[in-house]
């Protein structure tokens, strides 16, 4: 019976086209558990292009807390974009989420605490690239390039 249940679950996942990974992330409890509600329109939208030579990285700083949201959309011309969100509490580095060799990124970030949070973009390829950056800010989230 357990084997049949496992086989049914795997078949359902395959039939839905999922790869077993949730590619849209929320870093705080959803709904009424304290996570902010996303309004119909963001308070501010950052839209920029970042040119990166091979191996180069840039960082933007998001300042906010649990009542704020940043909806991040990144597009690179090739699958050589590495990115992460991290913090520096206590002098160390705490990675919230990280992916390598991406072409498109869609990520919803809700900070776990009031702090500065870094969005790192790196060209891990062999050719220059321009990354399209779109960040929608909700609540009191602030943005600046480092």
N, C-alpha and C. Protein backbone atom coordinates (compact mmCIF):
# COMPACT_ATOMS: atom_id res chain seq x y z
N UNK A 1 0.82 -1.19 0.00
CA UNK A 1 0.00 0.00 0.00
C UNK A 1 0.87 1.26 0.00
N UNK A 2 1.94 1.25 0.84
CA UNK A 2 2.83 2.41 0.89
C UNK A 2 3.52 2.61 -0.46
N UNK A 3 3.91 1.51 -1.11
CA UNK A 3 4.56 1.60 -2.41
C UNK A 3 3.61 2.22 -3.43
N UNK A 4 2.36 1.81 -3.42
CA UNK A 4 1.37 2.35 -4.34
C UNK A 4 1.18 3.85 -4.11
N UNK A 5 1.15 4.28 -2.85
CA UNK A 5 0.99 5.69 -2.52
C UNK A 5 2.19 6.49 -3.03
N UNK A 6 3.40 5.99 -2.83
CA UNK A 6 4.62 6.67 -3.31
C UNK A 6 4.62 6.78 -4.83
N UNK A 7 4.26 5.69 -5.51
CA UNK A 7 4.22 5.68 -6.98
C UNK A 7 3.18 6.69 -7.47
N UNK A 8 2.03 6.75 -6.80
CA UNK A 8 0.98 7.69 -7.18
C UNK A 8 1.44 9.13 -7.01
N UNK A 9 2.14 9.41 -5.92
CA UNK A 9 2.64 10.75 -5.67
C UNK A 9 3.66 11.16 -6.72
N UNK A 10 4.59 10.29 -7.05
CA UNK A 10 5.59 10.58 -8.09
C UNK A 10 4.91 10.80 -9.43
N UNK A 11 3.94 9.96 -9.76
CA UNK A 11 3.22 10.10 -11.02
C UNK A 11 2.49 11.44 -11.08
N UNK A 12 1.91 11.86 -9.98
CA UNK A 12 1.21 13.14 -9.94
C UNK A 12 2.16 14.31 -10.16
N UNK A 13 3.34 14.25 -9.54
CA UNK A 13 4.33 15.31 -9.73
C UNK A 13 4.79 15.38 -11.18
N UNK A 14 5.04 14.23 -11.78
CA UNK A 14 5.50 14.19 -13.17
C UNK A 14 4.40 14.71 -14.09
N UNK A 15 3.16 14.30 -13.84
CA UNK A 15 2.05 14.71 -14.69
C UNK A 15 1.84 16.22 -14.63
N UNK A 16 2.12 16.84 -13.51
CA UNK A 16 1.95 18.29 -13.36
C UNK A 16 3.10 19.06 -13.98
N UNK A 17 4.12 18.37 -14.42
CA UNK A 17 5.25 19.04 -15.05
C UNK A 17 6.24 19.62 -14.06
N UNK A 18 6.06 19.37 -12.80
CA UNK A 18 6.97 19.90 -11.79
C UNK A 18 8.27 19.14 -11.77
N UNK A 19 9.31 19.81 -11.33
CA UNK A 19 10.60 19.13 -11.21
C UNK A 19 10.94 18.84 -9.76
N UNK A 20 9.94 19.02 -8.88
CA UNK A 20 10.18 18.74 -7.48
C UNK A 20 10.75 19.92 -6.71
N UNK A 21 10.98 21.05 -7.38
CA UNK A 21 11.56 22.21 -6.73
C UNK A 21 10.61 23.38 -6.88
N UNK A 22 10.47 24.16 -5.83
CA UNK A 22 9.66 25.36 -5.86
C UNK A 22 10.55 26.51 -6.28
N UNK A 23 10.31 27.05 -7.49
CA UNK A 23 11.17 28.10 -8.01
C UNK A 23 10.69 29.50 -7.67
N UNK A 24 9.54 29.64 -7.04
CA UNK A 24 9.08 30.93 -6.53
C UNK A 24 9.14 30.84 -5.03
N UNK A 25 9.91 31.68 -4.40
CA UNK A 25 10.20 31.54 -2.99
C UNK A 25 9.66 32.71 -2.20
N UNK A 26 9.16 32.42 -1.02
CA UNK A 26 8.77 33.45 -0.06
C UNK A 26 9.50 33.12 1.22
N UNK A 27 10.21 34.09 1.78
CA UNK A 27 11.06 33.84 2.93
C UNK A 27 10.39 34.14 4.28
N UNK A 28 9.10 34.18 4.31
CA UNK A 28 8.37 34.34 5.57
C UNK A 28 7.04 33.62 5.41
N UNK A 29 6.38 33.41 6.52
CA UNK A 29 5.09 32.72 6.48
C UNK A 29 4.12 33.51 5.62
N UNK A 30 3.28 32.80 4.87
CA UNK A 30 2.36 33.45 3.96
C UNK A 30 1.02 33.72 4.64
N UNK A 31 0.24 34.56 4.00
CA UNK A 31 -1.12 34.80 4.45
C UNK A 31 -1.19 35.53 5.76
N UNK A 32 -1.98 35.01 6.70
CA UNK A 32 -2.24 35.70 7.95
C UNK A 32 -1.20 35.39 9.02
N UNK A 33 -0.14 34.68 8.69
CA UNK A 33 0.88 34.32 9.68
C UNK A 33 1.92 35.42 9.87
N UNK A 34 1.61 36.64 9.47
CA UNK A 34 2.54 37.74 9.72
C UNK A 34 3.27 38.23 8.49
N UNK A 35 3.17 37.53 7.36
CA UNK A 35 3.83 38.00 6.15
C UNK A 35 3.06 39.18 5.59
N UNK A 36 3.75 40.16 5.03
CA UNK A 36 3.06 41.30 4.48
C UNK A 36 2.22 40.91 3.28
N UNK A 37 1.16 41.64 3.07
CA UNK A 37 0.32 41.42 1.91
C UNK A 37 0.84 42.31 0.80
N UNK A 38 1.00 41.76 -0.40
CA UNK A 38 1.47 42.55 -1.53
C UNK A 38 0.29 43.34 -2.07
N UNK A 39 0.45 44.67 -2.10
CA UNK A 39 -0.59 45.55 -2.62
C UNK A 39 -0.71 45.39 -4.12
N UNK A 40 -1.71 46.01 -4.70
CA UNK A 40 -1.92 45.94 -6.14
C UNK A 40 -0.75 46.55 -6.91
N UNK A 41 -0.12 47.57 -6.34
CA UNK A 41 0.99 48.22 -7.02
C UNK A 41 2.15 48.40 -6.04
N UNK A 42 3.38 48.20 -6.51
CA UNK A 42 4.53 48.42 -5.63
C UNK A 42 4.70 49.90 -5.30
N UNK A 43 5.34 50.17 -4.18
CA UNK A 43 5.65 51.55 -3.78
C UNK A 43 6.70 52.15 -4.70
N UNK A 44 7.66 51.32 -5.13
CA UNK A 44 8.73 51.77 -6.01
C UNK A 44 9.17 50.61 -6.89
N UNK A 45 9.55 50.90 -8.14
CA UNK A 45 10.06 49.88 -9.05
C UNK A 45 11.44 50.30 -9.53
N UNK A 46 12.42 49.44 -9.32
CA UNK A 46 13.78 49.66 -9.81
C UNK A 46 13.90 48.91 -11.13
N UNK A 47 14.24 49.61 -12.20
CA UNK A 47 14.46 48.96 -13.51
C UNK A 47 15.78 49.49 -14.07
N UNK A 48 16.77 48.60 -14.13
CA UNK A 48 18.09 48.99 -14.61
C UNK A 48 18.72 47.83 -15.36
N UNK A 49 19.71 48.16 -16.16
CA UNK A 49 20.55 47.16 -16.80
C UNK A 49 21.92 47.22 -16.16
N UNK A 50 22.45 46.05 -15.79
CA UNK A 50 23.78 45.95 -15.19
C UNK A 50 24.69 45.21 -16.16
N UNK A 51 25.70 45.89 -16.67
CA UNK A 51 26.68 45.24 -17.55
C UNK A 51 27.77 44.62 -16.69
N UNK A 52 28.09 43.36 -16.98
CA UNK A 52 29.09 42.63 -16.21
C UNK A 52 30.07 41.95 -17.16
N UNK A 53 31.36 42.13 -16.91
CA UNK A 53 32.39 41.40 -17.65
C UNK A 53 32.54 40.04 -16.97
N UNK A 54 33.18 39.07 -17.62
CA UNK A 54 33.35 37.75 -17.01
C UNK A 54 33.99 37.83 -15.63
N UNK A 55 33.38 37.17 -14.66
CA UNK A 55 33.88 37.14 -13.30
C UNK A 55 33.48 38.33 -12.44
N UNK A 56 32.93 39.36 -13.04
CA UNK A 56 32.56 40.56 -12.27
C UNK A 56 31.29 40.32 -11.47
N UNK A 57 31.22 40.98 -10.30
CA UNK A 57 30.00 40.94 -9.50
C UNK A 57 29.65 42.34 -9.05
N UNK A 58 28.35 42.54 -8.83
CA UNK A 58 27.83 43.77 -8.27
C UNK A 58 26.86 43.41 -7.16
N UNK A 59 26.65 44.35 -6.25
CA UNK A 59 25.72 44.11 -5.15
C UNK A 59 24.81 45.31 -4.97
N UNK A 60 23.56 45.02 -4.75
CA UNK A 60 22.59 46.02 -4.35
C UNK A 60 22.21 45.74 -2.91
N UNK A 61 21.83 46.77 -2.18
CA UNK A 61 21.47 46.60 -0.78
C UNK A 61 19.99 46.92 -0.59
N UNK A 62 19.29 45.96 -0.02
CA UNK A 62 17.89 46.14 0.34
C UNK A 62 17.83 46.31 1.84
N UNK A 63 17.24 47.39 2.30
CA UNK A 63 17.09 47.63 3.73
C UNK A 63 15.61 47.47 4.06
N UNK A 64 15.32 46.49 4.91
CA UNK A 64 13.94 46.25 5.26
C UNK A 64 13.81 45.16 6.30
N UNK A 65 12.57 44.88 6.65
CA UNK A 65 12.29 43.87 7.67
C UNK A 65 11.08 43.04 7.31
N UNK A 66 10.55 42.29 8.28
CA UNK A 66 9.48 41.33 8.03
C UNK A 66 8.18 41.92 7.47
N UNK A 67 7.99 43.23 7.58
CA UNK A 67 6.77 43.82 7.03
C UNK A 67 7.00 44.37 5.62
N UNK A 68 8.15 44.08 5.03
CA UNK A 68 8.51 44.58 3.70
C UNK A 68 8.69 43.42 2.72
N UNK A 69 8.62 43.75 1.43
CA UNK A 69 8.77 42.74 0.38
C UNK A 69 9.55 43.34 -0.78
N UNK A 70 10.42 42.52 -1.39
CA UNK A 70 11.07 42.87 -2.65
C UNK A 70 10.80 41.73 -3.63
N UNK A 71 10.14 42.05 -4.74
CA UNK A 71 9.89 41.06 -5.78
C UNK A 71 10.97 41.27 -6.84
N UNK A 72 11.84 40.27 -6.98
CA UNK A 72 13.03 40.39 -7.82
C UNK A 72 12.85 39.61 -9.11
N UNK A 73 13.13 40.29 -10.24
CA UNK A 73 13.12 39.63 -11.54
C UNK A 73 14.42 40.01 -12.25
N UNK A 74 15.20 38.99 -12.62
CA UNK A 74 16.46 39.18 -13.31
C UNK A 74 16.44 38.42 -14.62
N UNK A 75 17.00 39.01 -15.68
CA UNK A 75 17.12 38.31 -16.97
C UNK A 75 18.52 38.53 -17.52
N UNK A 76 19.17 37.43 -17.87
CA UNK A 76 20.50 37.47 -18.49
C UNK A 76 20.39 36.89 -19.90
N UNK A 77 21.29 37.27 -20.81
CA UNK A 77 21.21 36.76 -22.18
C UNK A 77 21.62 35.29 -22.32
N UNK A 78 22.37 34.79 -21.35
CA UNK A 78 22.79 33.40 -21.35
C UNK A 78 22.71 32.86 -19.92
N UNK A 79 22.72 31.56 -19.77
CA UNK A 79 22.59 30.93 -18.44
C UNK A 79 23.91 30.94 -17.69
N UNK A 80 24.43 32.13 -17.45
CA UNK A 80 25.70 32.27 -16.73
C UNK A 80 25.58 33.30 -15.61
N UNK A 81 24.36 33.54 -15.13
CA UNK A 81 24.15 34.48 -14.04
C UNK A 81 24.09 33.72 -12.72
N UNK A 82 25.00 34.04 -11.82
CA UNK A 82 24.96 33.52 -10.45
C UNK A 82 24.42 34.65 -9.58
N UNK A 83 23.62 34.31 -8.59
CA UNK A 83 23.06 35.35 -7.74
C UNK A 83 22.76 34.79 -6.36
N UNK A 84 22.70 35.70 -5.39
CA UNK A 84 22.24 35.31 -4.07
C UNK A 84 21.73 36.51 -3.31
N UNK A 85 21.04 36.22 -2.22
CA UNK A 85 20.66 37.22 -1.23
C UNK A 85 21.35 36.78 0.05
N UNK A 86 22.04 37.73 0.68
CA UNK A 86 22.76 37.39 1.91
C UNK A 86 22.77 38.57 2.87
N UNK A 87 23.10 38.27 4.12
CA UNK A 87 23.25 39.28 5.15
C UNK A 87 24.61 39.15 5.80
N UNK A 88 24.93 40.10 6.66
CA UNK A 88 26.23 40.11 7.33
C UNK A 88 26.08 40.33 8.84
N UNK A 89 25.18 39.62 9.48
CA UNK A 89 24.98 39.75 10.93
C UNK A 89 26.21 39.24 11.68
N UNK A 90 26.64 40.00 12.67
CA UNK A 90 27.75 39.57 13.51
C UNK A 90 29.08 39.46 12.79
N UNK A 91 29.22 40.11 11.65
CA UNK A 91 30.48 40.08 10.92
C UNK A 91 30.66 38.91 9.97
N UNK A 92 29.75 37.93 10.00
CA UNK A 92 29.83 36.79 9.08
C UNK A 92 28.95 37.03 7.87
N UNK A 93 28.81 36.01 7.05
CA UNK A 93 27.92 36.08 5.90
C UNK A 93 26.89 34.96 6.03
N UNK A 94 25.62 35.34 5.95
CA UNK A 94 24.52 34.38 6.03
C UNK A 94 23.77 34.41 4.70
N UNK A 95 23.85 33.34 3.95
CA UNK A 95 23.18 33.26 2.66
C UNK A 95 21.73 32.85 2.86
N UNK A 96 20.81 33.69 2.36
CA UNK A 96 19.38 33.42 2.44
C UNK A 96 18.97 32.46 1.34
N UNK A 97 19.42 32.75 0.11
CA UNK A 97 19.11 31.90 -1.04
C UNK A 97 20.14 32.17 -2.13
N UNK A 98 20.46 31.13 -2.91
CA UNK A 98 21.51 31.25 -3.92
C UNK A 98 21.23 30.32 -5.09
N UNK A 99 21.53 30.78 -6.30
CA UNK A 99 21.43 29.94 -7.50
C UNK A 99 22.60 30.27 -8.43
N UNK A 100 22.97 29.27 -9.22
CA UNK A 100 24.06 29.43 -10.18
C UNK A 100 23.55 29.17 -11.60
N UNK A 101 24.24 29.78 -12.58
CA UNK A 101 24.00 29.53 -13.99
C UNK A 101 22.53 29.67 -14.38
N UNK A 102 21.97 30.81 -14.04
CA UNK A 102 20.57 31.10 -14.36
C UNK A 102 20.50 32.09 -15.51
N UNK A 103 19.40 32.03 -16.22
CA UNK A 103 19.11 33.00 -17.27
C UNK A 103 17.97 33.92 -16.81
N UNK A 104 17.00 33.34 -16.10
CA UNK A 104 15.87 34.10 -15.58
C UNK A 104 15.70 33.76 -14.10
N UNK A 105 15.46 34.80 -13.30
CA UNK A 105 15.24 34.64 -11.87
C UNK A 105 13.95 35.38 -11.50
N UNK A 106 13.08 34.70 -10.78
CA UNK A 106 11.90 35.32 -10.17
C UNK A 106 11.89 34.88 -8.72
N UNK A 107 12.01 35.85 -7.82
CA UNK A 107 12.15 35.54 -6.39
C UNK A 107 11.45 36.61 -5.57
N UNK A 108 10.64 36.19 -4.63
CA UNK A 108 9.99 37.12 -3.71
C UNK A 108 10.70 37.02 -2.37
N UNK A 109 11.26 38.15 -1.94
CA UNK A 109 12.05 38.18 -0.71
C UNK A 109 11.33 38.96 0.37
N UNK A 110 11.11 38.28 1.50
CA UNK A 110 10.58 38.91 2.72
C UNK A 110 11.66 38.72 3.78
N UNK A 111 12.29 39.81 4.22
CA UNK A 111 13.37 39.68 5.21
C UNK A 111 12.88 39.05 6.51
N UNK A 112 13.75 38.28 7.13
CA UNK A 112 13.42 37.64 8.41
C UNK A 112 13.60 38.59 9.58
N UNK A 113 14.37 39.67 9.38
CA UNK A 113 14.64 40.65 10.44
C UNK A 113 14.94 41.99 9.79
N UNK A 114 14.78 43.06 10.53
CA UNK A 114 15.13 44.39 10.03
C UNK A 114 16.65 44.48 9.89
N UNK A 115 17.12 44.70 8.67
CA UNK A 115 18.57 44.71 8.43
C UNK A 115 18.84 45.14 6.99
N UNK A 116 20.12 45.23 6.66
CA UNK A 116 20.56 45.38 5.28
C UNK A 116 20.74 43.98 4.71
N UNK A 117 20.20 43.76 3.51
CA UNK A 117 20.29 42.47 2.82
C UNK A 117 20.89 42.74 1.45
N UNK A 118 21.91 41.96 1.06
CA UNK A 118 22.62 42.18 -0.18
C UNK A 118 22.10 41.25 -1.27
N UNK A 119 21.84 41.84 -2.45
CA UNK A 119 21.53 41.07 -3.66
C UNK A 119 22.78 41.09 -4.51
N UNK A 120 23.42 39.93 -4.66
CA UNK A 120 24.67 39.80 -5.41
C UNK A 120 24.37 39.22 -6.78
N UNK A 121 24.93 39.83 -7.82
CA UNK A 121 24.85 39.34 -9.20
C UNK A 121 26.26 39.12 -9.70
N UNK A 122 26.52 37.96 -10.32
CA UNK A 122 27.86 37.66 -10.83
C UNK A 122 27.77 37.02 -12.20
N UNK A 123 28.63 37.47 -13.11
CA UNK A 123 28.76 36.87 -14.43
C UNK A 123 29.76 35.72 -14.31
N UNK A 124 29.27 34.49 -14.37
CA UNK A 124 30.16 33.33 -14.27
C UNK A 124 30.56 32.79 -15.64
N UNK A 125 30.18 33.53 -16.68
CA UNK A 125 30.49 33.07 -18.05
C UNK A 125 31.81 33.60 -18.57
N UNK A 126 32.02 33.38 -19.86
CA UNK A 126 33.27 33.77 -20.52
C UNK A 126 33.13 35.01 -21.39
N UNK A 127 31.90 35.56 -21.48
CA UNK A 127 31.67 36.75 -22.30
C UNK A 127 30.92 37.81 -21.49
N UNK A 128 31.05 39.05 -21.95
CA UNK A 128 30.32 40.14 -21.30
C UNK A 128 28.82 39.86 -21.36
N UNK A 129 28.08 40.37 -20.38
CA UNK A 129 26.63 40.24 -20.40
C UNK A 129 26.01 41.46 -19.77
N UNK A 130 24.78 41.72 -20.16
CA UNK A 130 23.99 42.77 -19.54
C UNK A 130 22.77 42.11 -18.91
N UNK A 131 22.61 42.32 -17.62
CA UNK A 131 21.51 41.73 -16.86
C UNK A 131 20.42 42.78 -16.68
N UNK A 132 19.20 42.41 -17.06
CA UNK A 132 18.05 43.27 -16.82
C UNK A 132 17.58 43.03 -15.39
N UNK A 133 17.52 44.11 -14.60
CA UNK A 133 17.16 44.02 -13.19
C UNK A 133 15.84 44.76 -12.98
N UNK A 134 14.87 44.06 -12.42
CA UNK A 134 13.59 44.69 -12.05
C UNK A 134 13.28 44.27 -10.62
N UNK A 135 13.13 45.26 -9.74
CA UNK A 135 12.84 44.98 -8.34
C UNK A 135 11.65 45.84 -7.93
N UNK A 136 10.59 45.18 -7.50
CA UNK A 136 9.41 45.88 -7.01
C UNK A 136 9.49 45.91 -5.49
N UNK A 137 9.38 47.11 -4.92
CA UNK A 137 9.50 47.29 -3.48
C UNK A 137 8.13 47.57 -2.86
N UNK A 138 7.85 46.86 -1.78
CA UNK A 138 6.60 47.03 -1.04
C UNK A 138 6.93 47.35 0.41
N UNK A 139 5.98 47.98 1.10
CA UNK A 139 6.22 48.37 2.48
C UNK A 139 7.25 49.48 2.52
N UNK A 140 8.19 49.41 3.44
CA UNK A 140 9.23 50.43 3.58
C UNK A 140 10.58 49.97 3.04
N UNK A 141 10.61 48.89 2.26
CA UNK A 141 11.87 48.38 1.71
C UNK A 141 12.57 49.48 0.92
N UNK A 142 13.86 49.66 1.15
CA UNK A 142 14.69 50.64 0.45
C UNK A 142 15.72 49.90 -0.39
N UNK A 143 16.17 50.50 -1.48
CA UNK A 143 17.14 49.91 -2.40
C UNK A 143 18.24 50.91 -2.72
N UNK A 144 19.47 50.40 -2.83
CA UNK A 144 20.59 51.19 -3.35
C UNK A 144 21.66 50.22 -3.85
N UNK A 145 22.40 50.65 -4.88
CA UNK A 145 23.55 49.88 -5.34
C UNK A 145 24.71 50.19 -4.41
N UNK A 146 25.51 49.19 -4.13
CA UNK A 146 26.68 49.40 -3.28
C UNK A 146 27.76 50.06 -4.09
